[in-house]
Amino acid sequence: MSFSANVKAEICRSFPAKKCCALAACFGILLFGNSFGYEGIRIITESREFGQNLPKLFKKAFDLEFDSFPSLESPGKLVFQIDDPEKIHAIMSDYGFDRSTLALHVNLPIVEEDCCKAAFLRGAFLAGGSVTDPEKGYHLELTTTHQSVARETFLLMEEALGFRPKSAPRGGAQVLYIKQSDTICDCLTYLGAPVSAMGILEAKLEKELNNKVNRRCNCDDANLSKVVEAAQEQLWAIRILRERGLFEKMPQKLQAAALAREENPEASLTELAAMMEPPISKPAMNNRMKKILQTAKEANV
């Protein structure tokens, strides 16, 4: 299953204990589902866990059944429909709608309690939500075709979760979305998917660790290249001094530094400094090598 499907499966493990929460969950499902109006109700999903919960939710919330529903063993998408005018009228009445209602909206008394806010947002995510696999990126969204619903859900999320999602139109629909990994984790935990939230955190930490290791390796490679280049230049200088007969004329401490470099062409300055008798500091060794280079350049003019 996809990461988004796993999230929905995890959310479906928590079934509303109270009728008010079942009513709120169904409200989110209907407002973020495929079709909700007096002409009919249609909910389409690929989640088998969601499909298994839908009939139970509608039974608990409205004490009614779908007019048509698929077998959970059926391949592809699952389609649930209600066409009976009496059932539709009963559902609309429970949410405070009638035929004079100009536009569907989030009826606030339905989501007044904190538990009902959470149930509503769970339903909205199950019907119209998705979340990207954290291995690919961080993106959670809710999609509805009702502008008023999007606007009011935006405010509901801010109130319930303490942060604002972003909003954008997309092909005649309104999308509420979140792109910050930490915020997505908080949202999934609130919706009842803490295991999935932990999966995002683990993926984020793994990415950060890999990036840190890569940066360190790149840095080490760059430093190693510098050491090699510096050593090659120092060996060139020592060779020039020997060819010009100037090596034995240098002070003993410079000769000792030059011999250590010749015998240890891949050693760092810190390692060379430790080989001196007595050992010296890295800056002191660096100063000796600079004097050797300067003497060789003057002799090579």
C-alpha atoms as a PDB file:
ATOM      1  CA  MET A   1       0.000   0.000   0.000  1.00  0.00           C
ATOM      2  CA  SER A   2       1.019   3.618  -0.452  1.00  0.00           C
ATOM      3  CA  PHE A   3       1.991   5.732   2.546  1.00  0.00           C
ATOM      4  CA  SER A   4      -1.299   7.644   2.236  1.00  0.00           C
ATOM      5  CA  ALA A   5      -3.262   4.383   2.221  1.00  0.00           C
ATOM      6  CA  ASN A   6      -1.422   3.236   5.343  1.00  0.00           C
ATOM      7  CA  VAL A   7      -2.322   6.490   7.090  1.00  0.00           C
ATOM      8  CA  LYS A   8      -6.007   6.025   6.268  1.00  0.00           C
ATOM      9  CA  ALA A   9      -5.888   2.417   7.428  1.00  0.00           C
ATOM     10  CA  GLU A  10      -4.415   3.554  10.739  1.00  0.00           C
ATOM     11  CA  ILE A  11      -7.065   6.256  11.180  1.00  0.00           C
ATOM     12  CA  CYS A  12      -9.819   3.707  10.508  1.00  0.00           C
ATOM     13  CA  ARG A  13      -8.747   1.678  13.530  1.00  0.00           C
ATOM     14  CA  SER A  14     -10.366   4.319  15.745  1.00  0.00           C
ATOM     15  CA  PHE A  15     -14.151   4.101  15.435  1.00  0.00           C
ATOM     16  CA  PRO A  16     -16.274   6.920  16.938  1.00  0.00           C
ATOM     17  CA  ALA A  17     -17.628   5.899  20.322  1.00  0.00           C
ATOM     18  CA  LYS A  18     -20.371   8.541  20.427  1.00  0.00           C
ATOM     19  CA  LYS A  19     -23.125   9.276  17.937  1.00  0.00           C
ATOM     20  CA  CYS A  20     -22.188  12.968  17.808  1.00  0.00           C
ATOM     21  CA  CYS A  21     -18.679  12.017  16.675  1.00  0.00           C
ATOM     22  CA  ALA A  22     -20.031   9.587  14.076  1.00  0.00           C
ATOM     23  CA  LEU A  23     -22.277  12.404  12.804  1.00  0.00           C
ATOM     24  CA  ALA A  24     -19.269  14.756  12.626  1.00  0.00           C
ATOM     25  CA  ALA A  25     -17.110  12.139  10.879  1.00  0.00           C
ATOM     26  CA  CYS A  26     -19.821  11.530   8.267  1.00  0.00           C
ATOM     27  CA  PHE A  27     -20.141  15.295   7.808  1.00  0.00           C
ATOM     28  CA  GLY A  28     -16.448  15.529   6.928  1.00  0.00           C
ATOM     29  CA  ILE A  29     -16.781  12.534   4.607  1.00  0.00           C
ATOM     30  CA  LEU A  30     -19.777  14.004   2.782  1.00  0.00           C
ATOM     31  CA  LEU A  31     -18.374  17.530   2.428  1.00  0.00           C
ATOM     32  CA  PHE A  32     -15.016  16.262   1.151  1.00  0.00           C
ATOM     33  CA  GLY A  33     -16.401  13.286  -0.774  1.00  0.00           C
ATOM     34  CA  ASN A  34     -17.434  13.002  -4.401  1.00  0.00           C
ATOM     35  CA  SER A  35     -21.092  14.009  -4.413  1.00  0.00           C
ATOM     36  CA  PHE A  36     -23.380  15.329  -1.672  1.00  0.00           C
ATOM     37  CA  GLY A  37     -26.711  16.889  -2.551  1.00  0.00           C
ATOM     38  CA  TYR A  38     -30.428  16.269  -2.932  1.00  0.00           C
ATOM     39  CA  GLU A  39     -29.764  14.622  -6.282  1.00  0.00           C
ATOM     40  CA  GLY A  40     -27.778  11.905  -4.559  1.00  0.00           C
ATOM     41  CA  ILE A  41     -24.831  10.946  -2.357  1.00  0.00           C
ATOM     42  CA  ARG A  42     -21.789   9.237  -3.825  1.00  0.00           C
ATOM     43  CA  ILE A  43     -18.569   8.318  -2.021  1.00  0.00           C
ATOM     44  CA  ILE A  44     -15.646   6.739  -3.876  1.00  0.00           C
ATOM     45  CA  THR A  45     -12.555   5.326  -2.197  1.00  0.00           C
ATOM     46  CA  GLU A  46      -9.686   2.930  -2.814  1.00  0.00           C
ATOM     47  CA  SER A  47      -9.192   2.261   0.904  1.00  0.00           C
ATOM     48  CA  ARG A  48     -10.594  -1.117   1.951  1.00  0.00           C
ATOM     49  CA  GLU A  49     -10.390  -0.128   5.623  1.00  0.00           C
ATOM     50  CA  PHE A  50     -12.379   3.041   4.945  1.00  0.00           C
ATOM     51  CA  GLY A  51     -14.846   1.077   2.838  1.00  0.00           C
ATOM     52  CA  GLN A  52     -15.317  -1.376   5.691  1.00  0.00           C
ATOM     53  CA  ASN A  53     -16.041   1.451   8.156  1.00  0.00           C
ATOM     54  CA  LEU A  54     -18.399   3.506   5.975  1.00  0.00           C
ATOM     55  CA  PRO A  55     -21.577   1.405   6.399  1.00  0.00           C
ATOM     56  CA  LYS A  56     -20.983   1.222  10.170  1.00  0.00           C
ATOM     57  CA  LEU A  57     -20.488   4.984  10.398  1.00  0.00           C
ATOM     58  CA  PHE A  58     -23.673   5.783   8.489  1.00  0.00           C
ATOM     59  CA  LYS A  59     -25.626   3.257  10.552  1.00  0.00           C
ATOM     60  CA  LYS A  60     -24.402   4.824  13.809  1.00  0.00           C
ATOM     61  CA  ALA A  61     -24.902   8.418  12.637  1.00  0.00           C
ATOM     62  CA  PHE A  62     -28.215   8.150  10.736  1.00  0.00           C
ATOM     63  CA  ASP A  63     -29.486   4.609  11.382  1.00  0.00           C
ATOM     64  CA  LEU A  64     -29.663   3.937   7.640  1.00  0.00           C
ATOM     65  CA  GLU A  65     -27.866   1.907   4.999  1.00  0.00           C
ATOM     66  CA  PHE A  66     -26.409   2.691   1.592  1.00  0.00           C
ATOM     67  CA  ASP A  67     -28.643   1.954  -1.371  1.00  0.00           C
ATOM     68  CA  SER A  68     -25.717   0.424  -3.245  1.00  0.00           C
ATOM     69  CA  PHE A  69     -22.299  -0.589  -2.072  1.00  0.00           C
ATOM     70  CA  PRO A  70     -19.519  -2.805  -3.454  1.00  0.00           C
ATOM     71  CA  SER A  71     -17.910  -5.957  -2.204  1.00  0.00           C
ATOM     72  CA  LEU A  72     -14.661  -5.190  -0.411  1.00  0.00           C
ATOM     73  CA  GLU A  73     -13.067  -7.955  -2.463  1.00  0.00           C
ATOM     74  CA  SER A  74     -13.859  -6.073  -5.669  1.00  0.00           C
ATOM     75  CA  PRO A  75     -10.757  -4.756  -7.478  1.00  0.00           C
ATOM     76  CA  GLY A  76     -10.257  -1.047  -8.036  1.00  0.00           C
ATOM     77  CA  LYS A  77     -12.272   1.759  -6.509  1.00  0.00           C
ATOM     78  CA  LEU A  78     -15.194   1.211  -4.151  1.00  0.00           C
ATOM     79  CA  VAL A  79     -18.383   3.201  -4.824  1.00  0.00           C
ATOM     80  CA  PHE A  80     -21.051   3.811  -2.142  1.00  0.00           C
ATOM     81  CA  GLN A  81     -24.335   5.486  -3.111  1.00  0.00           C
ATOM     82  CA  ILE A  82     -27.562   6.744  -1.577  1.00  0.00           C
ATOM     83  CA  ASP A  83     -30.340   7.652  -4.022  1.00  0.00           C
ATOM     84  CA  ASP A  84     -33.459   7.287  -1.846  1.00  0.00           C
ATOM     85  CA  PRO A  85     -34.944  10.826  -1.487  1.00  0.00           C
ATOM     86  CA  GLU A  86     -36.175  10.094   2.056  1.00  0.00           C
ATOM     87  CA  LYS A  87     -32.710   9.023   3.223  1.00  0.00           C
ATOM     88  CA  ILE A  88     -31.088  12.043   1.586  1.00  0.00           C
ATOM     89  CA  HIS A  89     -33.659  14.392   3.162  1.00  0.00           C
ATOM     90  CA  ALA A  90     -33.022  12.848   6.588  1.00  0.00           C
ATOM     91  CA  ILE A  91     -29.258  13.305   6.246  1.00  0.00           C
ATOM     92  CA  MET A  92     -29.632  16.887   5.032  1.00  0.00           C
ATOM     93  CA  SER A  93     -31.950  17.700   7.932  1.00  0.00           C
ATOM     94  CA  ASP A  94     -29.476  16.288  10.469  1.00  0.00           C
ATOM     95  CA  TYR A  95     -26.923  18.808   9.194  1.00  0.00           C
ATOM     96  CA  GLY A  96     -29.339  21.749   9.140  1.00  0.00           C
ATOM     97  CA  PHE A  97     -29.742  21.877   5.359  1.00  0.00           C
ATOM     98  CA  ASP A  98     -32.921  22.085   3.290  1.00  0.00           C
ATOM     99  CA  ARG A  99     -33.730  22.765  -0.351  1.00  0.00           C
ATOM    100  CA  SER A 100     -33.410  26.516   0.254  1.00  0.00           C
ATOM    101  CA  THR A 101     -29.742  26.118   1.241  1.00  0.00           C
ATOM    102  CA  LEU A 102     -27.675  28.057  -1.303  1.00  0.00           C
ATOM    103  CA  ALA A 103     -24.324  26.446  -0.586  1.00  0.00           C
ATOM    104  CA  LEU A 104     -23.052  23.617   1.579  1.00  0.00           C
ATOM    105  CA  HIS A 105     -21.019  24.728   4.578  1.00  0.00           C
ATOM    106  CA  VAL A 106     -19.651  23.423   7.878  1.00  0.00           C
ATOM    107  CA  ASN A 107     -22.574  23.665  10.307  1.00  0.00           C
ATOM    108  CA  LEU A 108     -20.721  24.739  13.458  1.00  0.00           C
ATOM    109  CA  PRO A 109     -22.995  23.059  16.054  1.00  0.00           C
ATOM    110  CA  ILE A 110     -22.017  19.692  14.510  1.00  0.00           C
ATOM    111  CA  VAL A 111     -18.333  20.344  15.305  1.00  0.00           C
ATOM    112  CA  GLU A 112     -18.732  22.286  18.544  1.00  0.00           C
ATOM    113  CA  GLU A 113     -17.066  19.723  20.842  1.00  0.00           C
ATOM    114  CA  ASP A 114     -13.336  18.999  20.581  1.00  0.00           C
ATOM    115  CA  CYS A 115     -13.971  15.298  19.957  1.00  0.00           C
ATOM    116  CA  CYS A 116     -16.319  16.184  17.104  1.00  0.00           C
ATOM    117  CA  LYS A 117     -13.785  18.553  15.528  1.00  0.00           C
ATOM    118  CA  ALA A 118     -11.284  15.705  15.422  1.00  0.00           C
ATOM    119  CA  ALA A 119     -13.902  13.301  14.035  1.00  0.00           C
ATOM    120  CA  PHE A 120     -14.884  15.794  11.317  1.00  0.00           C
ATOM    121  CA  LEU A 121     -11.278  16.256  10.193  1.00  0.00           C
ATOM    122  CA  ARG A 122     -10.730  12.480  10.216  1.00  0.00           C
ATOM    123  CA  GLY A 123     -13.713  12.069   7.925  1.00  0.00           C
ATOM    124  CA  ALA A 124     -12.520  14.900   5.677  1.00  0.00           C
ATOM    125  CA  PHE A 125      -9.088  13.288   5.338  1.00  0.00           C
ATOM    126  CA  LEU A 126     -10.488   9.803   4.705  1.00  0.00           C
ATOM    127  CA  ALA A 127     -12.729  11.088   1.906  1.00  0.00           C
ATOM    128  CA  GLY A 128     -10.693  13.910   0.378  1.00  0.00           C
ATOM    129  CA  GLY A 129      -7.218  13.780   1.850  1.00  0.00           C
ATOM    130  CA  SER A 130      -3.807  12.455   0.952  1.00  0.00           C
ATOM    131  CA  VAL A 131      -0.257  12.627   2.254  1.00  0.00           C
ATOM    132  CA  THR A 132       2.967  12.166   0.293  1.00  0.00           C
ATOM    133  CA  ASP A 133       5.443   9.405   1.087  1.00  0.00           C
ATOM    134  CA  PRO A 134       8.069  11.131   3.293  1.00  0.00           C
ATOM    135  CA  GLU A 135      10.810   9.461   1.234  1.00  0.00           C
ATOM    136  CA  LYS A 136       9.721  11.708  -1.652  1.00  0.00           C
ATOM    137  CA  GLY A 137       8.648  14.891   0.127  1.00  0.00           C
ATOM    138  CA  TYR A 138       6.354  16.462   2.700  1.00  0.00           C
ATOM    139  CA  HIS A 139       2.819  17.317   1.571  1.00  0.00           C
ATOM    140  CA  LEU A 140      -0.587  16.728   3.174  1.00  0.00           C
ATOM    141  CA  GLU A 141      -3.783  18.022   1.606  1.00  0.00           C
ATOM    142  CA  LEU A 142      -7.577  18.060   1.846  1.00  0.00           C
ATOM    143  CA  THR A 143      -9.647  18.684  -1.298  1.00  0.00           C
ATOM    144  CA  THR A 144     -13.278  19.784  -1.562  1.00  0.00           C
ATOM    145  CA  THR A 145     -15.419  21.223  -4.339  1.00  0.00           C
ATOM    146  CA  HIS A 146     -17.189  23.575  -1.907  1.00  0.00           C
ATOM    147  CA  GLN A 147     -15.483  26.939  -1.361  1.00  0.00           C
ATOM    148  CA  SER A 148     -17.403  27.706   1.841  1.00  0.00           C
ATOM    149  CA  VAL A 149     -16.422  24.317   3.244  1.00  0.00           C
ATOM    150  CA  ALA A 150     -12.745  24.947   2.447  1.00  0.00           C
ATOM    151  CA  ARG A 151     -12.827  28.367   4.085  1.00  0.00           C
ATOM    152  CA  GLU A 152     -14.559  27.118   7.236  1.00  0.00           C
ATOM    153  CA  THR A 153     -12.364  24.004   7.489  1.00  0.00           C
ATOM    154  CA  PHE A 154      -9.332  26.299   7.252  1.00  0.00           C
ATOM    155  CA  LEU A 155     -10.559  28.112  10.375  1.00  0.00           C
ATOM    156  CA  LEU A 156     -11.448  24.826  12.066  1.00  0.00           C
ATOM    157  CA  MET A 157      -7.945  23.463  11.508  1.00  0.00           C
ATOM    158  CA  GLU A 158      -6.429  26.640  12.892  1.00  0.00           C
ATOM    159  CA  GLU A 159      -8.606  26.374  15.991  1.00  0.00           C
ATOM    160  CA  ALA A 160      -8.120  22.642  16.560  1.00  0.00           C
ATOM    161  CA  LEU A 161      -4.477  22.253  15.537  1.00  0.00           C
ATOM    162  CA  GLY A 162      -3.027  25.672  16.291  1.00  0.00           C
ATOM    163  CA  PHE A 163      -1.662  26.343  12.802  1.00  0.00           C
ATOM    164  CA  ARG A 164      -2.963  27.518   9.460  1.00  0.00           C
ATOM    165  CA  PRO A 165      -2.849  25.364   6.338  1.00  0.00           C
ATOM    166  CA  LYS A 166      -2.305  27.016   2.974  1.00  0.00           C
ATOM    167  CA  SER A 167      -5.119  27.227   0.455  1.00  0.00           C
ATOM    168  CA  ALA A 168      -5.152  27.110  -3.342  1.00  0.00           C
ATOM    169  CA  PRO A 169      -7.665  26.448  -6.152  1.00  0.00           C
ATOM    170  CA  ARG A 170      -7.131  23.379  -8.318  1.00  0.00           C
ATOM    171  CA  GLY A 171      -9.306  22.504 -11.288  1.00  0.00           C
ATOM    172  CA  GLY A 172     -12.564  23.835  -9.824  1.00  0.00           C
ATOM    173  CA  ALA A 173     -11.797  22.509  -6.331  1.00  0.00           C
ATOM    174  CA  GLN A 174     -10.258  24.081  -3.239  1.00  0.00           C
ATOM    175  CA  VAL A 175      -7.190  22.496  -1.672  1.00  0.00           C
ATOM    176  CA  LEU A 176      -5.990  22.971   1.895  1.00  0.00           C
ATOM    177  CA  TYR A 177      -2.398  21.802   2.242  1.00  0.00           C
ATOM    178  CA  ILE A 178       0.564  21.588   4.614  1.00  0.00           C
ATOM    179  CA  LYS A 179       4.199  21.229   3.559  1.00  0.00           C
ATOM    180  CA  GLN A 180       6.125  21.401   6.861  1.00  0.00           C
ATOM    181  CA  SER A 181       7.122  17.933   8.090  1.00  0.00           C
ATOM    182  CA  ASP A 182       6.696  18.765  11.791  1.00  0.00           C
ATOM    183  CA  THR A 183       3.243  20.237  11.173  1.00  0.00           C
ATOM    184  CA  ILE A 184       2.203  17.197   9.131  1.00  0.00           C
ATOM    185  CA  CYS A 185       3.321  14.961  12.014  1.00  0.00           C
ATOM    186  CA  ASP A 186       1.216  16.980  14.462  1.00  0.00           C
ATOM    187  CA  CYS A 187      -1.764  16.774  12.104  1.00  0.00           C
ATOM    188  CA  LEU A 188      -1.507  13.002  11.616  1.00  0.00           C
ATOM    189  CA  THR A 189      -1.154  12.444  15.355  1.00  0.00           C
ATOM    190  CA  TYR A 190      -4.271  14.550  15.926  1.00  0.00           C
ATOM    191  CA  LEU A 191      -6.169  12.556  13.280  1.00  0.00           C
ATOM    192  CA  GLY A 192      -5.283   9.281  14.986  1.00  0.00           C
ATOM    193  CA  ALA A 193      -2.248   8.126  12.999  1.00  0.00           C
ATOM    194  CA  PRO A 194       0.703   8.482  15.426  1.00  0.00           C
ATOM    195  CA  VAL A 195       2.584   5.516  13.915  1.00  0.00           C
ATOM    196  CA  SER A 196       2.538   7.174  10.495  1.00  0.00           C
ATOM    197  CA  ALA A 197       3.612  10.456  12.085  1.00  0.00           C
ATOM    198  CA  MET A 198       6.568   8.657  13.653  1.00  0.00           C
ATOM    199  CA  GLY A 199       7.396   7.247  10.218  1.00  0.00           C
ATOM    200  CA  ILE A 200       7.698  10.788   8.864  1.00  0.00           C
ATOM    201  CA  LEU A 201       9.982  11.782  11.740  1.00  0.00           C
ATOM    202  CA  GLU A 202      12.177   8.723  11.165  1.00  0.00           C
ATOM    203  CA  ALA A 203      12.394   9.440   7.431  1.00  0.00           C
ATOM    204  CA  LYS A 204      13.298  13.062   8.148  1.00  0.00           C
ATOM    205  CA  LEU A 205      16.019  12.077  10.635  1.00  0.00           C
ATOM    206  CA  GLU A 206      17.427   9.544   8.179  1.00  0.00           C
ATOM    207  CA  LYS A 207      17.562  12.189   5.431  1.00  0.00           C
ATOM    208  CA  GLU A 208      19.282  14.655   7.750  1.00  0.00           C
ATOM    209  CA  LEU A 209      21.784  11.998   8.840  1.00  0.00           C
ATOM    210  CA  ASN A 210      22.543  11.022   5.242  1.00  0.00           C
ATOM    211  CA  ASN A 211      22.971  14.668   4.270  1.00  0.00           C
ATOM    212  CA  LYS A 212      25.288  15.219   7.230  1.00  0.00           C
ATOM    213  CA  VAL A 213      27.366  12.160   6.319  1.00  0.00           C
ATOM    214  CA  ASN A 214      27.551  13.294   2.680  1.00  0.00           C
ATOM    215  CA  ARG A 215      28.637  16.780   3.696  1.00  0.00           C
ATOM    216  CA  ARG A 216      31.249  15.311   6.025  1.00  0.00           C
ATOM    217  CA  CYS A 217      32.535  12.971   3.314  1.00  0.00           C
ATOM    218  CA  ASN A 218      32.702  15.834   0.816  1.00  0.00           C
ATOM    219  CA  CYS A 219      34.526  17.955   3.375  1.00  0.00           C
ATOM    220  CA  ASP A 220      36.939  15.118   4.178  1.00  0.00           C
ATOM    221  CA  ASP A 221      37.579  14.559   0.475  1.00  0.00           C
ATOM    222  CA  ALA A 222      38.278  18.266  -0.018  1.00  0.00           C
ATOM    223  CA  ASN A 223      40.613  18.349   2.971  1.00  0.00           C
ATOM    224  CA  LEU A 224      42.413  15.219   1.778  1.00  0.00           C
ATOM    225  CA  SER A 225      42.913  16.787  -1.644  1.00  0.00           C
ATOM    226  CA  LYS A 226      44.414  19.869  -0.010  1.00  0.00           C
ATOM    227  CA  VAL A 227      46.782  17.704   2.073  1.00  0.00           C
ATOM    228  CA  VAL A 228      47.922  15.797  -1.017  1.00  0.00           C
ATOM    229  CA  GLU A 229      48.456  18.981  -3.043  1.00  0.00           C
ATOM    230  CA  ALA A 230      50.398  20.623  -0.222  1.00  0.00           C
ATOM    231  CA  ALA A 231      52.547  17.508   0.270  1.00  0.00           C
ATOM    232  CA  GLN A 232      53.360  17.359  -3.449  1.00  0.00           C
ATOM    233  CA  GLU A 233      54.429  20.993  -3.413  1.00  0.00           C
ATOM    234  CA  GLN A 234      56.618  20.403  -0.336  1.00  0.00           C
ATOM    235  CA  LEU A 235      58.247  17.345  -1.922  1.00  0.00           C
ATOM    236  CA  TRP A 236      58.973  19.411  -5.038  1.00  0.00           C
ATOM    237  CA  ALA A 237      60.645  22.068  -2.884  1.00  0.00           C
ATOM    238  CA  ILE A 238      62.789  19.488  -1.061  1.00  0.00           C
ATOM    239  CA  ARG A 239      63.879  17.970  -4.393  1.00  0.00           C
ATOM    240  CA  ILE A 240      64.900  21.419  -5.703  1.00  0.00           C
ATOM    241  CA  LEU A 241      66.925  22.101  -2.567  1.00  0.00           C
ATOM    242  CA  ARG A 242      68.767  18.767  -2.892  1.00  0.00           C
ATOM    243  CA  GLU A 243      69.470  19.362  -6.577  1.00  0.00           C
ATOM    244  CA  ARG A 244      70.876  22.831  -5.812  1.00  0.00           C
ATOM    245  CA  GLY A 245      73.022  21.510  -2.958  1.00  0.00           C
ATOM    246  CA  LEU A 246      71.162  23.666  -0.464  1.00  0.00           C
ATOM    247  CA  PHE A 247      69.540  20.943   1.607  1.00  0.00           C
ATOM    248  CA  GLU A 248      72.532  20.465   3.990  1.00  0.00           C
ATOM    249  CA  LYS A 249      72.901  24.242   4.370  1.00  0.00           C
ATOM    250  CA  MET A 250      69.420  24.590   5.917  1.00  0.00           C
ATOM    251  CA  PRO A 251      68.983  24.759   9.718  1.00  0.00           C
ATOM    252  CA  GLN A 252      68.712  21.353  11.400  1.00  0.00           C
ATOM    253  CA  LYS A 253      65.027  21.887  12.282  1.00  0.00           C
ATOM    254  CA  LEU A 254      64.171  22.499   8.606  1.00  0.00           C
ATOM    255  CA  GLN A 255      66.164  19.445   7.540  1.00  0.00           C
ATOM    256  CA  ALA A 256      64.301  17.337  10.115  1.00  0.00           C
ATOM    257  CA  ALA A 257      60.950  18.607   8.790  1.00  0.00           C
ATOM    258  CA  ALA A 258      62.003  17.900   5.192  1.00  0.00           C
ATOM    259  CA  LEU A 259      63.157  14.354   6.030  1.00  0.00           C
ATOM    260  CA  ALA A 260      59.889  13.638   7.819  1.00  0.00           C
ATOM    261  CA  ARG A 261      57.964  14.777   4.726  1.00  0.00           C
ATOM    262  CA  GLU A 262      60.079  12.656   2.372  1.00  0.00           C
ATOM    263  CA  GLU A 263      59.561   9.578   4.538  1.00  0.00           C
ATOM    264  CA  ASN A 264      55.829  10.262   5.016  1.00  0.00           C
ATOM    265  CA  PRO A 265      54.475  11.789   1.767  1.00  0.00           C
ATOM    266  CA  GLU A 266      50.808  11.245   2.744  1.00  0.00           C
ATOM    267  CA  ALA A 267      51.012  12.450   6.357  1.00  0.00           C
ATOM    268  CA  SER A 268      49.200  15.568   7.521  1.00  0.00           C
ATOM    269  CA  LEU A 269      50.991  18.514   9.145  1.00  0.00           C
ATOM    270  CA  THR A 270      49.641  17.404  12.518  1.00  0.00           C
ATOM    271  CA  GLU A 271      51.142  13.951  12.042  1.00  0.00           C
ATOM    272  CA  LEU A 272      54.485  15.396  10.896  1.00  0.00           C
ATOM    273  CA  ALA A 273      54.588  17.755  13.862  1.00  0.00           C
ATOM    274  CA  ALA A 274      54.237  14.784  16.213  1.00  0.00           C
ATOM    275  CA  MET A 275      57.268  13.130  14.584  1.00  0.00           C
ATOM    276  CA  MET A 276      59.649  15.951  15.492  1.00  0.00           C
ATOM    277  CA  GLU A 277      62.096  15.609  18.371  1.00  0.00           C
ATOM    278  CA  PRO A 278      60.740  17.085  20.507  1.00  0.00           C
ATOM    279  CA  PRO A 279      57.180  17.178  19.052  1.00  0.00           C
ATOM    280  CA  ILE A 280      56.009  20.598  17.913  1.00  0.00           C
ATOM    281  CA  SER A 281      52.650  22.190  17.147  1.00  0.00           C
ATOM    282  CA  LYS A 282      50.895  22.090  13.781  1.00  0.00           C
ATOM    283  CA  PRO A 283      51.408  25.870  13.247  1.00  0.00           C
ATOM    284  CA  ALA A 284      55.138  25.435  13.973  1.00  0.00           C
ATOM    285  CA  MET A 285      55.383  22.630  11.412  1.00  0.00           C
ATOM    286  CA  ASN A 286      53.432  24.709   8.905  1.00  0.00           C
ATOM    287  CA  ASN A 287      55.901  27.564   9.463  1.00  0.00           C
ATOM    288  CA  ARG A 288      58.861  25.241   8.763  1.00  0.00           C
ATOM    289  CA  MET A 289      57.283  24.016   5.530  1.00  0.00           C
ATOM    290  CA  LYS A 290      56.654  27.595   4.406  1.00  0.00           C
ATOM    291  CA  LYS A 291      60.357  28.404   4.945  1.00  0.00           C
ATOM    292  CA  ILE A 292      61.350  25.320   2.922  1.00  0.00           C
ATOM    293  CA  LEU A 293      59.019  26.388   0.082  1.00  0.00           C
ATOM    294  CA  GLN A 294      60.297  29.962   0.147  1.00  0.00           C
ATOM    295  CA  THR A 295      63.931  28.828   0.039  1.00  0.00           C
ATOM    296  CA  ALA A 296      63.200  26.497  -2.903  1.00  0.00           C
ATOM    297  CA  LYS A 297      61.372  29.214  -4.876  1.00  0.00           C
ATOM    298  CA  GLU A 298      64.253  31.630  -4.367  1.00  0.00           C
ATOM    299  CA  ALA A 299      66.749  28.999  -5.454  1.00  0.00           C
ATOM    300  CA  ASN A 300      64.668  28.117  -8.530  1.00  0.00           C
ATOM    301  CA  VAL A 301      64.494  31.675  -9.865  1.00  0.00           C
END
